[in-house]
N, C-alpha and C. Protein backbone atom coordinates (compact mmCIF):
# COMPACT_ATOMS: atom_id res chain seq x y z
N MET A 1 -119.36 -63.20 -38.55
CA MET A 1 -119.48 -63.13 -40.00
C MET A 1 -118.62 -61.97 -40.51
N SER A 2 -118.18 -62.07 -41.76
CA SER A 2 -117.44 -60.97 -42.37
C SER A 2 -117.84 -60.83 -43.84
N PHE A 3 -117.80 -59.61 -44.32
CA PHE A 3 -118.10 -59.30 -45.72
C PHE A 3 -117.47 -57.95 -46.02
N ARG A 4 -117.56 -57.50 -47.25
CA ARG A 4 -116.87 -56.27 -47.64
C ARG A 4 -117.83 -55.20 -48.13
N ALA A 5 -117.48 -53.97 -47.81
CA ALA A 5 -118.20 -52.83 -48.35
C ALA A 5 -117.78 -52.63 -49.81
N ALA A 6 -118.47 -51.75 -50.50
CA ALA A 6 -118.20 -51.53 -51.93
C ALA A 6 -116.78 -51.06 -52.19
N ASP A 7 -116.17 -50.35 -51.22
CA ASP A 7 -114.80 -49.88 -51.42
C ASP A 7 -113.76 -50.87 -50.93
N GLY A 8 -114.19 -52.09 -50.56
CA GLY A 8 -113.26 -53.14 -50.16
C GLY A 8 -113.01 -53.25 -48.68
N THR A 9 -113.54 -52.35 -47.88
CA THR A 9 -113.34 -52.41 -46.43
C THR A 9 -113.95 -53.68 -45.86
N SER A 10 -113.18 -54.41 -45.07
CA SER A 10 -113.66 -55.65 -44.46
C SER A 10 -114.47 -55.33 -43.20
N LEU A 11 -115.67 -55.87 -43.12
CA LEU A 11 -116.60 -55.58 -42.03
C LEU A 11 -116.92 -56.84 -41.26
N SER A 12 -117.06 -56.70 -39.96
CA SER A 12 -117.43 -57.82 -39.10
C SER A 12 -118.83 -57.60 -38.55
N ALA A 13 -119.55 -58.69 -38.33
CA ALA A 13 -120.92 -58.62 -37.85
C ALA A 13 -121.28 -59.92 -37.14
N SER A 14 -122.33 -59.86 -36.35
CA SER A 14 -122.86 -61.05 -35.68
C SER A 14 -124.24 -61.36 -36.24
N LEU A 15 -124.41 -62.59 -36.71
CA LEU A 15 -125.68 -63.04 -37.26
C LEU A 15 -126.36 -63.96 -36.27
N ASP A 16 -127.60 -63.64 -35.91
CA ASP A 16 -128.40 -64.49 -35.01
C ASP A 16 -129.68 -64.88 -35.74
N GLU A 17 -130.02 -66.17 -35.67
CA GLU A 17 -131.18 -66.67 -36.40
C GLU A 17 -132.15 -67.39 -35.46
N PRO A 18 -133.43 -67.20 -35.66
CA PRO A 18 -134.42 -67.90 -34.84
C PRO A 18 -134.59 -69.34 -35.29
N ASP A 19 -135.32 -70.11 -34.51
CA ASP A 19 -135.54 -71.52 -34.87
C ASP A 19 -136.39 -71.66 -36.12
N ARG A 20 -137.39 -70.80 -36.27
CA ARG A 20 -138.29 -70.88 -37.43
C ARG A 20 -137.81 -69.93 -38.51
N ARG A 21 -137.51 -70.50 -39.67
CA ARG A 21 -137.00 -69.71 -40.79
C ARG A 21 -137.66 -70.19 -42.08
N PRO A 22 -137.77 -69.33 -43.10
CA PRO A 22 -137.27 -67.96 -43.17
C PRO A 22 -138.03 -67.00 -42.26
N ALA A 23 -137.37 -65.92 -41.90
CA ALA A 23 -137.92 -64.94 -40.96
C ALA A 23 -137.54 -63.54 -41.41
N PRO A 24 -138.27 -62.52 -40.95
CA PRO A 24 -137.87 -61.15 -41.26
C PRO A 24 -136.47 -60.87 -40.71
N GLY A 25 -135.74 -59.98 -41.38
CA GLY A 25 -134.38 -59.65 -40.98
C GLY A 25 -134.23 -58.21 -40.54
N ILE A 26 -133.37 -57.99 -39.55
CA ILE A 26 -133.14 -56.64 -39.02
C ILE A 26 -131.64 -56.40 -38.90
N VAL A 27 -131.16 -55.30 -39.47
CA VAL A 27 -129.78 -54.85 -39.31
C VAL A 27 -129.72 -53.90 -38.12
N LEU A 28 -128.71 -54.07 -37.28
CA LEU A 28 -128.53 -53.25 -36.07
C LEU A 28 -127.25 -52.43 -36.22
N ILE A 29 -127.37 -51.09 -36.12
CA ILE A 29 -126.25 -50.18 -36.37
C ILE A 29 -125.95 -49.38 -35.10
N HIS A 30 -124.73 -49.52 -34.59
CA HIS A 30 -124.34 -48.86 -33.33
C HIS A 30 -124.02 -47.38 -33.53
N MET A 31 -123.75 -46.69 -32.44
CA MET A 31 -123.36 -45.29 -32.47
C MET A 31 -121.83 -45.18 -32.61
N LEU A 32 -121.34 -43.99 -32.90
CA LEU A 32 -119.91 -43.78 -33.06
C LEU A 32 -119.17 -44.11 -31.77
N THR A 33 -117.93 -44.60 -31.92
CA THR A 33 -116.99 -44.98 -30.86
C THR A 33 -117.41 -46.24 -30.12
N ARG A 34 -118.51 -46.86 -30.50
CA ARG A 34 -118.99 -48.07 -29.84
C ARG A 34 -118.84 -49.27 -30.79
N SER A 35 -119.55 -50.35 -30.53
CA SER A 35 -119.45 -51.53 -31.38
C SER A 35 -120.77 -52.28 -31.37
N ARG A 36 -120.82 -53.36 -32.15
CA ARG A 36 -122.04 -54.15 -32.25
C ARG A 36 -122.42 -54.79 -30.92
N GLY A 37 -121.46 -54.88 -29.99
CA GLY A 37 -121.76 -55.45 -28.68
C GLY A 37 -122.85 -54.71 -27.93
N ASP A 38 -123.06 -53.42 -28.26
CA ASP A 38 -124.13 -52.66 -27.61
C ASP A 38 -125.50 -53.28 -27.87
N TRP A 39 -125.61 -54.06 -28.95
CA TRP A 39 -126.90 -54.63 -29.34
C TRP A 39 -127.10 -56.07 -28.86
N ASP A 40 -126.17 -56.61 -28.08
CA ASP A 40 -126.22 -58.04 -27.74
C ASP A 40 -127.57 -58.47 -27.16
N GLU A 41 -128.04 -57.77 -26.14
CA GLU A 41 -129.30 -58.16 -25.51
C GLU A 41 -130.48 -57.93 -26.44
N THR A 42 -130.42 -56.84 -27.21
CA THR A 42 -131.49 -56.55 -28.16
C THR A 42 -131.56 -57.63 -29.24
N ALA A 43 -130.39 -58.02 -29.75
CA ALA A 43 -130.35 -59.05 -30.79
C ALA A 43 -130.92 -60.36 -30.27
N GLN A 44 -130.59 -60.71 -29.04
CA GLN A 44 -131.10 -61.96 -28.46
C GLN A 44 -132.62 -61.91 -28.33
N ARG A 45 -133.14 -60.76 -27.88
CA ARG A 45 -134.59 -60.64 -27.70
C ARG A 45 -135.30 -60.67 -29.06
N LEU A 46 -134.73 -60.02 -30.06
CA LEU A 46 -135.33 -60.04 -31.39
C LEU A 46 -135.29 -61.44 -31.99
N ARG A 47 -134.17 -62.13 -31.79
CA ARG A 47 -134.07 -63.52 -32.27
C ARG A 47 -135.13 -64.39 -31.61
N ASP A 48 -135.27 -64.26 -30.29
CA ASP A 48 -136.28 -65.04 -29.57
C ASP A 48 -137.69 -64.68 -30.03
N GLY A 49 -137.83 -63.46 -30.55
CA GLY A 49 -139.13 -63.02 -31.05
C GLY A 49 -139.38 -63.39 -32.50
N GLY A 50 -138.44 -64.11 -33.12
CA GLY A 50 -138.68 -64.62 -34.46
C GLY A 50 -137.97 -63.90 -35.58
N PHE A 51 -136.96 -63.06 -35.28
CA PHE A 51 -136.27 -62.29 -36.30
C PHE A 51 -134.83 -62.78 -36.49
N VAL A 52 -134.36 -62.71 -37.74
CA VAL A 52 -132.93 -62.82 -38.02
C VAL A 52 -132.32 -61.44 -37.78
N THR A 53 -131.22 -61.37 -37.02
CA THR A 53 -130.59 -60.08 -36.78
C THR A 53 -129.14 -60.11 -37.25
N LEU A 54 -128.68 -58.98 -37.75
CA LEU A 54 -127.29 -58.80 -38.14
C LEU A 54 -126.79 -57.52 -37.48
N ALA A 55 -125.96 -57.67 -36.44
CA ALA A 55 -125.39 -56.52 -35.73
C ALA A 55 -124.02 -56.23 -36.34
N LEU A 56 -123.85 -55.04 -36.85
CA LEU A 56 -122.69 -54.66 -37.65
C LEU A 56 -121.70 -53.84 -36.83
N ASP A 57 -120.40 -54.09 -37.03
CA ASP A 57 -119.35 -53.16 -36.61
C ASP A 57 -119.06 -52.24 -37.78
N LEU A 58 -119.33 -50.95 -37.63
CA LEU A 58 -118.97 -49.98 -38.65
C LEU A 58 -117.45 -49.95 -38.83
N ARG A 59 -116.99 -49.50 -39.99
CA ARG A 59 -115.55 -49.44 -40.26
C ARG A 59 -114.82 -48.65 -39.16
N GLY A 60 -113.66 -49.16 -38.77
CA GLY A 60 -112.89 -48.50 -37.73
C GLY A 60 -113.41 -48.74 -36.33
N HIS A 61 -114.41 -49.59 -36.19
CA HIS A 61 -115.01 -49.89 -34.89
C HIS A 61 -115.01 -51.41 -34.67
N GLY A 62 -114.96 -51.82 -33.42
CA GLY A 62 -115.05 -53.23 -33.11
C GLY A 62 -114.00 -54.03 -33.86
N GLU A 63 -114.45 -55.06 -34.57
CA GLU A 63 -113.54 -55.94 -35.31
C GLU A 63 -113.47 -55.63 -36.80
N SER A 64 -114.12 -54.57 -37.23
CA SER A 64 -114.05 -54.19 -38.65
C SER A 64 -112.75 -53.46 -38.95
N SER A 65 -112.30 -53.54 -40.19
CA SER A 65 -111.05 -52.91 -40.59
C SER A 65 -111.27 -51.44 -40.91
N GLY A 66 -110.18 -50.78 -41.29
CA GLY A 66 -110.26 -49.37 -41.67
C GLY A 66 -110.00 -48.47 -40.49
N ALA A 67 -109.62 -47.25 -40.81
CA ALA A 67 -109.40 -46.25 -39.77
C ALA A 67 -110.73 -45.72 -39.28
N ARG A 68 -110.79 -45.40 -38.00
CA ARG A 68 -112.02 -44.82 -37.47
C ARG A 68 -112.24 -43.47 -38.12
N PRO A 69 -113.39 -43.25 -38.74
CA PRO A 69 -113.62 -42.00 -39.47
C PRO A 69 -113.63 -40.79 -38.53
N ASP A 70 -113.13 -39.66 -39.05
CA ASP A 70 -113.27 -38.41 -38.32
C ASP A 70 -114.51 -37.68 -38.82
N ALA A 71 -114.72 -36.49 -38.31
CA ALA A 71 -115.96 -35.76 -38.64
C ALA A 71 -116.12 -35.51 -40.12
N ALA A 72 -114.99 -35.46 -40.85
CA ALA A 72 -115.06 -35.14 -42.27
C ALA A 72 -115.24 -36.38 -43.15
N THR A 73 -115.18 -37.57 -42.55
CA THR A 73 -115.20 -38.79 -43.37
C THR A 73 -116.22 -39.80 -42.87
N LEU A 74 -117.36 -39.32 -42.39
CA LEU A 74 -118.40 -40.24 -41.94
C LEU A 74 -119.19 -40.84 -43.11
N GLY A 75 -119.24 -40.13 -44.23
CA GLY A 75 -120.05 -40.56 -45.37
C GLY A 75 -119.79 -41.98 -45.84
N PRO A 76 -118.52 -42.44 -45.92
CA PRO A 76 -118.27 -43.80 -46.40
C PRO A 76 -118.92 -44.89 -45.55
N MET A 77 -119.29 -44.58 -44.33
CA MET A 77 -119.92 -45.60 -43.48
C MET A 77 -121.29 -46.01 -44.02
N LEU A 78 -121.88 -45.19 -44.88
CA LEU A 78 -123.13 -45.59 -45.51
C LEU A 78 -122.93 -46.87 -46.32
N GLN A 79 -121.75 -47.02 -46.92
CA GLN A 79 -121.45 -48.25 -47.64
C GLN A 79 -121.49 -49.48 -46.72
N ASP A 80 -121.14 -49.28 -45.45
CA ASP A 80 -121.14 -50.40 -44.50
C ASP A 80 -122.56 -50.90 -44.27
N VAL A 81 -123.48 -49.97 -44.11
CA VAL A 81 -124.88 -50.36 -43.88
C VAL A 81 -125.45 -51.00 -45.15
N GLN A 82 -125.12 -50.45 -46.30
CA GLN A 82 -125.58 -51.04 -47.56
C GLN A 82 -125.04 -52.45 -47.75
N ALA A 83 -123.78 -52.67 -47.36
CA ALA A 83 -123.19 -54.01 -47.46
C ALA A 83 -123.88 -54.98 -46.49
N ALA A 84 -124.22 -54.50 -45.31
CA ALA A 84 -124.92 -55.34 -44.34
C ALA A 84 -126.30 -55.74 -44.86
N LEU A 85 -127.00 -54.81 -45.48
CA LEU A 85 -128.30 -55.13 -46.07
C LEU A 85 -128.15 -56.17 -47.19
N ALA A 86 -127.16 -55.98 -48.03
CA ALA A 86 -126.94 -56.93 -49.12
C ALA A 86 -126.60 -58.32 -48.58
N PHE A 87 -125.80 -58.37 -47.54
CA PHE A 87 -125.44 -59.65 -46.93
C PHE A 87 -126.68 -60.33 -46.36
N LEU A 88 -127.51 -59.56 -45.67
CA LEU A 88 -128.70 -60.14 -45.06
C LEU A 88 -129.68 -60.65 -46.12
N LYS A 89 -129.83 -59.90 -47.20
CA LYS A 89 -130.73 -60.32 -48.29
C LYS A 89 -130.28 -61.64 -48.90
N ALA A 90 -128.97 -61.88 -48.89
CA ALA A 90 -128.43 -63.08 -49.52
C ALA A 90 -128.61 -64.34 -48.68
N GLN A 91 -129.03 -64.17 -47.43
CA GLN A 91 -129.20 -65.32 -46.56
C GLN A 91 -130.52 -66.03 -46.85
N GLY A 92 -130.47 -67.31 -47.08
CA GLY A 92 -131.69 -68.05 -47.36
C GLY A 92 -132.64 -68.12 -46.18
N THR A 93 -132.15 -67.74 -45.01
CA THR A 93 -132.99 -67.77 -43.80
C THR A 93 -133.82 -66.51 -43.63
N VAL A 94 -133.62 -65.53 -44.51
CA VAL A 94 -134.32 -64.24 -44.39
C VAL A 94 -135.47 -64.18 -45.40
N ALA A 95 -136.64 -63.82 -44.91
CA ALA A 95 -137.83 -63.72 -45.77
C ALA A 95 -137.66 -62.57 -46.76
N THR A 96 -137.89 -62.84 -48.00
CA THR A 96 -137.71 -61.84 -49.06
C THR A 96 -138.62 -60.62 -48.83
N GLY A 97 -138.01 -59.44 -48.90
CA GLY A 97 -138.79 -58.21 -48.82
C GLY A 97 -139.25 -57.83 -47.44
N ARG A 98 -138.73 -58.49 -46.39
CA ARG A 98 -139.14 -58.14 -45.03
C ARG A 98 -137.91 -57.78 -44.22
N LEU A 99 -137.37 -56.60 -44.50
CA LEU A 99 -136.17 -56.12 -43.82
C LEU A 99 -136.46 -54.86 -43.03
N GLY A 100 -135.80 -54.75 -41.89
CA GLY A 100 -135.86 -53.55 -41.08
C GLY A 100 -134.46 -53.16 -40.65
N ILE A 101 -134.33 -51.93 -40.16
CA ILE A 101 -133.06 -51.45 -39.61
C ILE A 101 -133.35 -50.74 -38.31
N ALA A 102 -132.52 -51.02 -37.30
CA ALA A 102 -132.52 -50.23 -36.06
C ALA A 102 -131.15 -49.59 -35.94
N GLY A 103 -131.12 -48.30 -35.64
CA GLY A 103 -129.85 -47.59 -35.52
C GLY A 103 -129.89 -46.62 -34.36
N ALA A 104 -128.71 -46.28 -33.86
CA ALA A 104 -128.60 -45.38 -32.72
C ALA A 104 -127.65 -44.23 -33.03
N SER A 105 -128.09 -43.01 -32.76
CA SER A 105 -127.28 -41.81 -32.96
C SER A 105 -126.81 -41.73 -34.41
N ALA A 106 -125.51 -41.66 -34.67
CA ALA A 106 -125.04 -41.64 -36.06
C ALA A 106 -125.51 -42.88 -36.80
N GLY A 107 -125.62 -44.00 -36.09
CA GLY A 107 -126.14 -45.22 -36.70
C GLY A 107 -127.59 -45.09 -37.13
N ALA A 108 -128.36 -44.27 -36.41
CA ALA A 108 -129.75 -44.01 -36.81
C ALA A 108 -129.78 -43.18 -38.08
N ASN A 109 -128.90 -42.20 -38.18
CA ASN A 109 -128.83 -41.40 -39.40
C ASN A 109 -128.44 -42.26 -40.59
N LEU A 110 -127.45 -43.14 -40.38
CA LEU A 110 -127.04 -44.04 -41.46
C LEU A 110 -128.16 -44.99 -41.86
N ALA A 111 -128.92 -45.46 -40.87
CA ALA A 111 -130.06 -46.34 -41.16
C ALA A 111 -131.08 -45.63 -42.03
N ALA A 112 -131.39 -44.40 -41.68
CA ALA A 112 -132.37 -43.63 -42.47
C ALA A 112 -131.86 -43.40 -43.89
N MET A 113 -130.58 -43.08 -44.02
CA MET A 113 -130.00 -42.82 -45.34
C MET A 113 -130.00 -44.08 -46.20
N ALA A 114 -129.68 -45.22 -45.59
CA ALA A 114 -129.68 -46.47 -46.35
C ALA A 114 -131.09 -46.86 -46.78
N ALA A 115 -132.06 -46.66 -45.90
CA ALA A 115 -133.44 -47.02 -46.22
C ALA A 115 -134.00 -46.17 -47.34
N GLY A 116 -133.57 -44.92 -47.42
CA GLY A 116 -134.06 -44.04 -48.47
C GLY A 116 -133.66 -44.49 -49.86
N GLY A 117 -132.61 -45.33 -49.94
CA GLY A 117 -132.16 -45.79 -51.24
C GLY A 117 -132.35 -47.27 -51.47
N ASP A 118 -133.16 -47.92 -50.65
CA ASP A 118 -133.33 -49.38 -50.75
C ASP A 118 -134.79 -49.74 -50.46
N ARG A 119 -135.52 -50.08 -51.51
CA ARG A 119 -136.94 -50.34 -51.36
C ARG A 119 -137.25 -51.65 -50.63
N SER A 120 -136.24 -52.48 -50.42
CA SER A 120 -136.49 -53.72 -49.69
C SER A 120 -136.61 -53.49 -48.18
N VAL A 121 -136.18 -52.30 -47.71
CA VAL A 121 -136.32 -51.96 -46.29
C VAL A 121 -137.74 -51.48 -46.04
N ARG A 122 -138.42 -52.16 -45.12
CA ARG A 122 -139.84 -51.85 -44.89
C ARG A 122 -140.12 -51.12 -43.59
N SER A 123 -139.17 -51.12 -42.65
CA SER A 123 -139.46 -50.54 -41.34
C SER A 123 -138.17 -50.06 -40.68
N LEU A 124 -138.27 -48.95 -39.91
CA LEU A 124 -137.13 -48.39 -39.20
C LEU A 124 -137.46 -48.14 -37.74
N ALA A 125 -136.47 -48.36 -36.86
CA ALA A 125 -136.54 -47.93 -35.46
C ALA A 125 -135.28 -47.12 -35.21
N LEU A 126 -135.43 -45.83 -34.93
CA LEU A 126 -134.31 -44.90 -34.87
C LEU A 126 -134.18 -44.32 -33.47
N LEU A 127 -133.08 -44.61 -32.80
CA LEU A 127 -132.79 -44.09 -31.47
C LEU A 127 -131.91 -42.85 -31.60
N SER A 128 -132.40 -41.72 -31.10
CA SER A 128 -131.62 -40.48 -31.08
C SER A 128 -131.17 -40.06 -32.47
N VAL A 129 -132.05 -40.20 -33.45
CA VAL A 129 -131.73 -39.71 -34.78
C VAL A 129 -131.71 -38.19 -34.78
N THR A 130 -130.94 -37.59 -35.68
CA THR A 130 -130.92 -36.14 -35.82
C THR A 130 -131.07 -35.78 -37.30
N THR A 131 -131.43 -34.53 -37.54
CA THR A 131 -131.56 -34.10 -38.93
C THR A 131 -130.21 -34.04 -39.62
N ASP A 132 -129.14 -33.77 -38.85
CA ASP A 132 -127.80 -33.67 -39.44
C ASP A 132 -126.78 -34.05 -38.38
N TYR A 133 -126.09 -35.16 -38.60
CA TYR A 133 -125.00 -35.56 -37.70
C TYR A 133 -123.70 -35.49 -38.48
N ARG A 134 -122.97 -34.39 -38.31
CA ARG A 134 -121.68 -34.21 -38.96
C ARG A 134 -121.74 -34.51 -40.46
N GLY A 135 -122.77 -34.02 -41.08
CA GLY A 135 -122.93 -34.21 -42.52
C GLY A 135 -123.80 -35.38 -42.92
N LEU A 136 -124.18 -36.22 -41.97
CA LEU A 136 -125.10 -37.33 -42.27
C LEU A 136 -126.53 -36.78 -42.14
N LYS A 137 -127.08 -36.33 -43.26
CA LYS A 137 -128.38 -35.65 -43.25
C LYS A 137 -129.50 -36.65 -43.56
N THR A 138 -130.54 -36.62 -42.75
CA THR A 138 -131.58 -37.64 -42.85
C THR A 138 -132.83 -37.19 -43.59
N GLU A 139 -133.11 -35.93 -43.62
CA GLU A 139 -134.40 -35.48 -44.19
C GLU A 139 -134.60 -35.89 -45.64
N PRO A 140 -133.60 -35.73 -46.52
CA PRO A 140 -133.83 -36.14 -47.92
C PRO A 140 -134.16 -37.63 -48.05
N SER A 141 -133.46 -38.47 -47.29
CA SER A 141 -133.69 -39.91 -47.38
C SER A 141 -135.05 -40.29 -46.82
N LEU A 142 -135.45 -39.67 -45.72
CA LEU A 142 -136.74 -40.01 -45.13
C LEU A 142 -137.90 -39.49 -45.96
N ARG A 143 -137.67 -38.50 -46.80
CA ARG A 143 -138.71 -38.08 -47.74
C ARG A 143 -138.97 -39.19 -48.76
N ARG A 144 -137.91 -39.93 -49.11
CA ARG A 144 -138.06 -41.01 -50.09
C ARG A 144 -138.58 -42.30 -49.45
N PHE A 145 -138.33 -42.50 -48.18
CA PHE A 145 -138.71 -43.74 -47.52
C PHE A 145 -140.21 -43.72 -47.23
N GLU A 146 -140.92 -44.73 -47.72
CA GLU A 146 -142.38 -44.75 -47.59
C GLU A 146 -142.89 -45.64 -46.46
N GLY A 147 -142.00 -46.34 -45.79
CA GLY A 147 -142.41 -47.26 -44.74
C GLY A 147 -142.59 -46.58 -43.39
N PRO A 148 -143.02 -47.36 -42.40
CA PRO A 148 -143.22 -46.82 -41.05
C PRO A 148 -141.89 -46.59 -40.32
N VAL A 149 -141.87 -45.57 -39.49
CA VAL A 149 -140.67 -45.21 -38.72
C VAL A 149 -141.04 -44.98 -37.27
N LEU A 150 -140.29 -45.60 -36.37
CA LEU A 150 -140.42 -45.36 -34.94
C LEU A 150 -139.23 -44.54 -34.49
N PHE A 151 -139.49 -43.34 -33.98
CA PHE A 151 -138.46 -42.46 -33.45
C PHE A 151 -138.46 -42.57 -31.93
N LEU A 152 -137.30 -42.88 -31.35
CA LEU A 152 -137.17 -43.01 -29.91
C LEU A 152 -136.15 -41.99 -29.42
N ALA A 153 -136.53 -41.19 -28.43
CA ALA A 153 -135.64 -40.14 -27.95
C ALA A 153 -135.76 -39.98 -26.45
N GLY A 154 -134.65 -39.61 -25.81
CA GLY A 154 -134.67 -39.32 -24.39
C GLY A 154 -135.18 -37.91 -24.13
N SER A 155 -135.87 -37.74 -23.03
CA SER A 155 -136.39 -36.40 -22.70
C SER A 155 -135.27 -35.41 -22.45
N ASN A 156 -134.08 -35.91 -22.10
CA ASN A 156 -132.93 -35.06 -21.83
C ASN A 156 -131.97 -34.98 -23.01
N ASP A 157 -132.47 -35.22 -24.20
CA ASP A 157 -131.68 -35.16 -25.43
C ASP A 157 -132.41 -34.23 -26.40
N PRO A 158 -132.33 -32.90 -26.17
CA PRO A 158 -133.20 -31.97 -26.89
C PRO A 158 -133.03 -31.95 -28.40
N TYR A 159 -131.79 -32.06 -28.91
CA TYR A 159 -131.61 -32.02 -30.36
C TYR A 159 -132.24 -33.23 -31.01
N ALA A 160 -132.04 -34.41 -30.43
CA ALA A 160 -132.65 -35.62 -30.99
C ALA A 160 -134.17 -35.55 -30.92
N LEU A 161 -134.70 -35.01 -29.85
CA LEU A 161 -136.16 -34.92 -29.70
C LEU A 161 -136.74 -33.94 -30.71
N ARG A 162 -136.10 -32.79 -30.89
CA ARG A 162 -136.56 -31.83 -31.89
C ARG A 162 -136.47 -32.43 -33.29
N SER A 163 -135.37 -33.13 -33.55
CA SER A 163 -135.19 -33.73 -34.87
C SER A 163 -136.26 -34.78 -35.15
N ALA A 164 -136.53 -35.63 -34.16
CA ALA A 164 -137.53 -36.68 -34.35
C ALA A 164 -138.89 -36.08 -34.68
N ARG A 165 -139.27 -35.05 -33.96
CA ARG A 165 -140.57 -34.42 -34.20
C ARG A 165 -140.62 -33.77 -35.57
N ALA A 166 -139.51 -33.14 -35.98
CA ALA A 166 -139.48 -32.51 -37.30
C ALA A 166 -139.53 -33.55 -38.41
N LEU A 167 -138.80 -34.64 -38.23
CA LEU A 167 -138.75 -35.68 -39.26
C LEU A 167 -140.05 -36.48 -39.34
N ALA A 168 -140.73 -36.61 -38.22
CA ALA A 168 -142.00 -37.34 -38.22
C ALA A 168 -143.10 -36.54 -38.91
N GLY A 169 -143.08 -35.23 -38.71
CA GLY A 169 -144.11 -34.39 -39.31
C GLY A 169 -145.49 -34.83 -38.88
N THR A 170 -146.41 -34.88 -39.82
CA THR A 170 -147.79 -35.26 -39.52
C THR A 170 -148.14 -36.65 -40.07
N SER A 171 -147.13 -37.38 -40.52
CA SER A 171 -147.39 -38.70 -41.11
C SER A 171 -147.93 -39.68 -40.07
N THR A 172 -148.96 -40.40 -40.43
CA THR A 172 -149.52 -41.41 -39.53
C THR A 172 -148.64 -42.66 -39.46
N LEU A 173 -147.66 -42.76 -40.35
CA LEU A 173 -146.74 -43.90 -40.34
C LEU A 173 -145.51 -43.63 -39.48
N ARG A 174 -145.41 -42.44 -38.92
CA ARG A 174 -144.22 -42.08 -38.14
C ARG A 174 -144.63 -41.73 -36.71
N HIS A 175 -143.96 -42.39 -35.77
CA HIS A 175 -144.33 -42.27 -34.36
C HIS A 175 -143.12 -41.84 -33.54
N VAL A 176 -143.31 -40.80 -32.72
CA VAL A 176 -142.26 -40.32 -31.83
C VAL A 176 -142.61 -40.73 -30.40
N GLU A 177 -141.67 -41.39 -29.73
CA GLU A 177 -141.88 -41.78 -28.35
C GLU A 177 -140.71 -41.27 -27.51
N THR A 178 -141.04 -40.63 -26.40
CA THR A 178 -140.05 -40.01 -25.52
C THR A 178 -139.92 -40.83 -24.24
N PHE A 179 -138.67 -41.02 -23.81
CA PHE A 179 -138.42 -41.78 -22.60
C PHE A 179 -137.68 -40.90 -21.59
N GLU A 180 -138.24 -40.77 -20.43
CA GLU A 180 -137.74 -39.86 -19.41
C GLU A 180 -136.31 -40.22 -19.00
N GLY A 181 -135.40 -39.22 -19.14
CA GLY A 181 -134.04 -39.38 -18.67
C GLY A 181 -133.26 -40.50 -19.33
N ALA A 182 -133.63 -40.90 -20.55
CA ALA A 182 -133.01 -42.07 -21.17
C ALA A 182 -131.64 -41.80 -21.76
N GLY A 183 -131.28 -40.53 -21.96
CA GLY A 183 -129.98 -40.24 -22.54
C GLY A 183 -129.96 -40.36 -24.05
N HIS A 184 -128.83 -40.79 -24.59
CA HIS A 184 -128.61 -40.72 -26.04
C HIS A 184 -128.12 -42.06 -26.58
N GLY A 185 -128.59 -42.42 -27.77
CA GLY A 185 -128.10 -43.60 -28.48
C GLY A 185 -128.33 -44.90 -27.74
N THR A 186 -127.36 -45.80 -27.83
CA THR A 186 -127.54 -47.11 -27.20
C THR A 186 -127.48 -47.05 -25.68
N VAL A 187 -127.07 -45.92 -25.12
CA VAL A 187 -127.16 -45.73 -23.67
C VAL A 187 -128.61 -45.92 -23.22
N MET A 188 -129.54 -45.55 -24.09
CA MET A 188 -130.96 -45.67 -23.77
C MET A 188 -131.35 -47.11 -23.46
N LEU A 189 -130.70 -48.07 -24.12
CA LEU A 189 -131.06 -49.47 -23.93
C LEU A 189 -130.73 -49.95 -22.52
N GLN A 190 -129.68 -49.38 -21.92
CA GLN A 190 -129.33 -49.75 -20.56
C GLN A 190 -130.18 -48.99 -19.53
N ARG A 191 -130.42 -47.73 -19.82
CA ARG A 191 -131.18 -46.92 -18.87
C ARG A 191 -132.67 -47.25 -18.86
N ARG A 192 -133.19 -47.60 -20.03
CA ARG A 192 -134.61 -47.90 -20.14
C ARG A 192 -134.78 -49.23 -20.90
N PRO A 193 -134.63 -50.36 -20.20
CA PRO A 193 -134.69 -51.67 -20.86
C PRO A 193 -135.99 -51.95 -21.60
N GLU A 194 -137.06 -51.24 -21.24
CA GLU A 194 -138.33 -51.46 -21.93
C GLU A 194 -138.27 -51.05 -23.40
N LEU A 195 -137.23 -50.30 -23.76
CA LEU A 195 -137.05 -49.93 -25.16
C LEU A 195 -136.88 -51.15 -26.06
N VAL A 196 -136.22 -52.18 -25.54
CA VAL A 196 -136.00 -53.39 -26.33
C VAL A 196 -137.33 -54.04 -26.68
N GLU A 197 -138.20 -54.15 -25.68
CA GLU A 197 -139.51 -54.74 -25.92
C GLU A 197 -140.33 -53.88 -26.87
N ARG A 198 -140.17 -52.56 -26.76
CA ARG A 198 -140.90 -51.67 -27.67
C ARG A 198 -140.46 -51.88 -29.11
N MET A 199 -139.16 -52.03 -29.32
CA MET A 199 -138.68 -52.27 -30.68
C MET A 199 -139.15 -53.63 -31.20
N LEU A 200 -139.14 -54.63 -30.34
CA LEU A 200 -139.63 -55.95 -30.74
C LEU A 200 -141.08 -55.86 -31.20
N ASN A 201 -141.92 -55.20 -30.43
CA ASN A 201 -143.33 -55.08 -30.81
C ASN A 201 -143.50 -54.26 -32.08
N TRP A 202 -142.66 -53.24 -32.23
CA TRP A 202 -142.72 -52.42 -33.45
C TRP A 202 -142.42 -53.26 -34.69
N PHE A 203 -141.35 -54.01 -34.65
CA PHE A 203 -140.99 -54.81 -35.82
C PHE A 203 -141.99 -55.96 -36.05
N ARG A 204 -142.58 -56.46 -34.98
CA ARG A 204 -143.64 -57.45 -35.16
C ARG A 204 -144.81 -56.85 -35.93
N GLN A 205 -145.16 -55.62 -35.59
CA GLN A 205 -146.30 -54.97 -36.23
C GLN A 205 -146.01 -54.63 -37.69
N THR A 206 -144.77 -54.33 -38.00
CA THR A 206 -144.47 -53.77 -39.32
C THR A 206 -143.76 -54.74 -40.27
N LEU A 207 -143.26 -55.86 -39.77
CA LEU A 207 -142.55 -56.80 -40.65
C LEU A 207 -143.21 -58.17 -40.77
N PHE A 208 -144.04 -58.54 -39.82
CA PHE A 208 -144.71 -59.84 -39.91
C PHE A 208 -145.98 -59.73 -40.74
């Protein structure tokens, strides 16, 4: 699939749909220097579990156009996530008002930022999110987001683990789960495959 961000950047994504529709929809956002292919197995499992998934290539990554952003130009990628949400909402196969986002590393920060400005997003699963990734700051957006959040972090990723605990605070809607030696971002999905099942169960609990 292809669509455009607000600034005209052409974006590529993979749309997977379950047999029974309409269904809740989930946008999948990769980490920097990677692509939507990191989510292939996760997207298949979520689809089999009854979800429509849209795995996005951020600008400058995978098959999307544009130059790969440097540390000073990560902000425009928020438009990519917003465009993916708009595209998913427009699909007749997606249940109205039942959207979630899963993101990894910088993709987790972008997911949190997009959710803070979009009331149609009801649930988040954030892998290795941080309070500030090269200017992508999550705390203001998560203060606005009222839905449930699952924070997933590797025991050997101290900044992400500290960030998750700080961002979760004492809210009963926010859960931090630590996985031994899981590493960072989508690497966690390969090192600890049970993470995929955990995300599936999370979105089942919060979107169905």
